Structures are given as C-alpha cells and as structure tokens.
Amino acid sequence: MVEGLEKYFQLMYTDRMDITTTQEVSQGDATNNAYPATPQQTDVHCRISFPKKDTRDTAGKEREKVELKPVIFCDPGIVVKPGDKIAIRRCKKDGTVYATLSGLAVKAAKPNVWVNHQEFELDVSGDA
C-alpha cells in the first residue's frame, strides 16, 4: 500500500467479510473440490458498494428473484480467488452489524488489484 495513505483507506473499510476458498477433498478414489465448514479468512476489513439500484417492481409479489453484483473493496494484500464464498457484515461506525450479504466472488475474472486497494464483484443471487 502507498506509504502514508494506508490509514485513510482503513477508515473506509467499515464492513467485515469472511472468505472461504474451496479445498480438495478425497472421497475414496475420487477427489472433489468443496467448501470447508469454517472460513480461512475472517473479519477482513472491506467496503461494499452497490453500483446500481435494483429497479424491479416487487409490488404484490410474494417472492422476487435477486441478482446483484455489488463491488467489494479491500486491502490489496487479501487473497481473493474467483469462486470464493464471501459473507459480508455491513457495520455501523460503532461496529454494530445492521445487514448481512453473501455470495461468490465472480468466477469470470480475478480481482482488480492496485497499489492502494483491490476490488472484485460479488455474485449475489437468491429469493428476496
């Protein structure tokens, strides 16, 4: 990170995320990839950004399909791989969690890494 700017970027990272990467699991003669029960990286400081609002009309509908691709910003030293399972806690300034969100780091591309930060898209899908 650019020396001297690190403390300013840390101020922006008010959210926290847990990162779970697939691991090879042997089952008899077969080897498969699976997510372990416990994340390998926890309480990672980050910031979530929603580049556009969901504009779907949900009035009068019991369920609506959710498909969001928010952008996650974090320190460039954090290892994030395409397909990683990400669980994010949105936090107030005092650390109180007020919302949670989970999804997969978009598989189509690796994170964009700069000197002072990195960013990646989170693929969030499910029912609202």
Protein backbone atom coordinates (compact mmCIF):
# COMPACT_ATOMS: atom_id res chain seq x y z
CA MET A 1 0.00 0.00 0.00
CA VAL A 2 1.20 3.56 -0.66
CA GLU A 3 3.02 4.63 2.49
CA GLY A 4 1.07 7.19 4.50
CA LEU A 5 -2.25 6.52 2.76
CA GLU A 6 -2.94 3.20 4.47
CA LYS A 7 -4.70 4.77 7.49
CA TYR A 8 -7.09 6.67 5.20
CA PHE A 9 -8.09 3.57 3.29
CA GLN A 10 -8.61 1.66 6.54
CA LEU A 11 -11.14 4.32 7.59
CA MET A 12 -13.25 3.43 4.54
CA TYR A 13 -13.31 -0.29 5.31
CA THR A 14 -16.18 -0.23 7.80
CA ASP A 15 -17.63 -3.61 6.74
CA ARG A 16 -16.29 -7.09 7.54
CA MET A 17 -16.12 -10.21 5.40
CA ASP A 18 -15.30 -13.88 5.82
CA ILE A 19 -13.68 -15.68 2.87
CA THR A 20 -13.98 -19.41 2.23
CA THR A 21 -11.94 -20.99 -0.58
CA THR A 22 -12.62 -24.46 -1.96
CA GLN A 23 -10.28 -27.26 -0.96
CA GLU A 24 -9.63 -30.66 -2.46
CA VAL A 25 -11.46 -33.42 -0.61
CA SER A 26 -10.68 -37.11 -1.18
CA GLN A 27 -13.68 -39.44 -1.15
CA GLY A 28 -12.50 -42.96 -1.81
CA ASP A 29 -10.88 -42.98 -5.26
CA ALA A 30 -12.33 -39.60 -6.25
CA THR A 31 -11.08 -36.12 -5.44
CA ASN A 32 -13.55 -33.23 -5.41
CA ASN A 33 -13.48 -29.57 -4.50
CA ALA A 34 -15.66 -28.49 -1.57
CA TYR A 35 -16.02 -25.51 0.73
CA PRO A 36 -14.81 -26.23 4.28
CA ALA A 37 -17.22 -25.52 7.15
CA THR A 38 -15.01 -22.75 8.54
CA PRO A 39 -13.77 -19.73 6.52
CA GLN A 40 -10.00 -19.48 6.09
CA GLN A 41 -10.05 -15.67 6.46
CA THR A 42 -12.37 -13.98 8.97
CA ASP A 43 -13.25 -10.41 9.94
CA VAL A 44 -11.44 -8.98 6.93
CA HIS A 45 -11.95 -5.21 6.71
CA CYS A 46 -13.72 -4.23 3.49
CA ARG A 47 -16.28 -1.90 1.94
CA ILE A 48 -19.26 -2.92 -0.16
CA SER A 49 -20.61 -0.69 -2.92
CA PHE A 50 -23.78 -1.08 -4.95
CA PRO A 51 -23.06 0.48 -8.38
CA LYS A 52 -26.74 0.48 -9.32
CA LYS A 53 -30.04 0.10 -7.53
CA ASP A 54 -32.38 -2.83 -8.04
CA THR A 55 -35.25 -1.30 -10.02
CA ARG A 56 -37.55 -4.31 -10.27
CA ASP A 57 -41.21 -3.90 -9.41
CA THR A 58 -41.88 -6.21 -6.47
CA ALA A 59 -45.30 -4.80 -5.54
CA GLY A 60 -47.84 -7.54 -4.91
CA LYS A 61 -45.33 -10.36 -5.40
CA GLU A 62 -44.64 -12.89 -2.70
CA ARG A 63 -41.09 -13.62 -3.92
CA GLU A 64 -38.78 -11.89 -6.30
CA LYS A 65 -35.53 -13.19 -7.76
CA VAL A 66 -32.49 -11.25 -6.54
CA GLU A 67 -29.46 -10.89 -8.77
CA LEU A 68 -26.99 -8.30 -7.53
CA LYS A 69 -23.33 -7.74 -8.34
CA PRO A 70 -22.03 -5.33 -5.71
CA VAL A 71 -18.36 -4.36 -5.76
CA ILE A 72 -16.20 -5.20 -2.75
CA PHE A 73 -13.16 -3.06 -1.89
CA CYS A 74 -10.40 -4.31 0.40
CA ASP A 75 -6.67 -4.22 1.10
CA PRO A 76 -4.52 -5.42 -1.84
CA GLY A 77 -2.81 -8.00 0.41
CA ILE A 78 -6.02 -10.00 0.95
CA VAL A 79 -6.18 -13.17 -1.17
CA VAL A 80 -9.49 -13.46 -3.03
CA LYS A 81 -9.92 -16.09 -5.74
CA PRO A 82 -12.69 -16.39 -8.31
CA GLY A 83 -15.41 -18.61 -6.85
CA ASP A 84 -14.56 -17.89 -3.20
CA LYS A 85 -17.57 -17.86 -0.88
CA ILE A 86 -17.89 -14.42 0.71
CA ALA A 87 -20.04 -13.50 3.73
CA ILE A 88 -20.23 -9.76 4.46
CA ARG A 89 -21.46 -7.93 7.52
CA ARG A 90 -22.43 -4.27 6.99
CA CYS A 91 -21.44 -2.37 10.09
CA LYS A 92 -22.20 0.98 11.63
CA LYS A 93 -19.31 3.16 12.84
CA ASP A 94 -19.57 1.61 16.30
CA GLY A 95 -19.18 -1.92 14.82
CA THR A 96 -22.84 -2.91 15.18
CA VAL A 97 -23.93 -5.22 12.33
CA TYR A 98 -27.04 -3.93 10.57
CA ALA A 99 -27.14 -6.14 7.45
CA THR A 100 -25.59 -9.29 6.05
CA LEU A 101 -24.97 -10.40 2.49
CA SER A 102 -23.35 -13.46 0.98
CA GLY A 103 -22.38 -14.73 -2.42
CA LEU A 104 -19.48 -15.85 -4.57
CA ALA A 105 -16.58 -13.81 -5.87
CA VAL A 106 -17.39 -13.59 -9.58
CA LYS A 107 -15.78 -16.51 -11.37
CA ALA A 108 -15.33 -14.71 -14.69
CA ALA A 109 -12.43 -12.55 -13.54
CA LYS A 110 -9.74 -12.22 -10.91
CA PRO A 111 -9.87 -9.23 -8.55
CA ASN A 112 -8.55 -5.92 -9.88
CA VAL A 113 -5.54 -5.10 -7.72
CA TRP A 114 -3.96 -1.66 -7.39
CA VAL A 115 -1.23 -0.32 -5.11
CA ASN A 116 -3.72 1.01 -2.56
CA HIS A 117 -6.69 -1.40 -2.82
CA GLN A 118 -8.33 -4.21 -4.75
CA GLU A 119 -11.89 -4.67 -5.89
CA PHE A 120 -13.99 -7.59 -7.08
CA GLU A 121 -17.62 -8.25 -7.90
CA LEU A 122 -19.77 -10.39 -5.63
CA ASP A 123 -22.39 -12.56 -7.32
CA VAL A 124 -25.44 -12.48 -5.04
CA SER A 125 -28.46 -14.46 -6.16
CA GLY A 126 -31.49 -15.95 -4.49
CA ASP A 127 -35.04 -15.07 -3.46
CA ALA A 128 -35.95 -11.75 -1.87
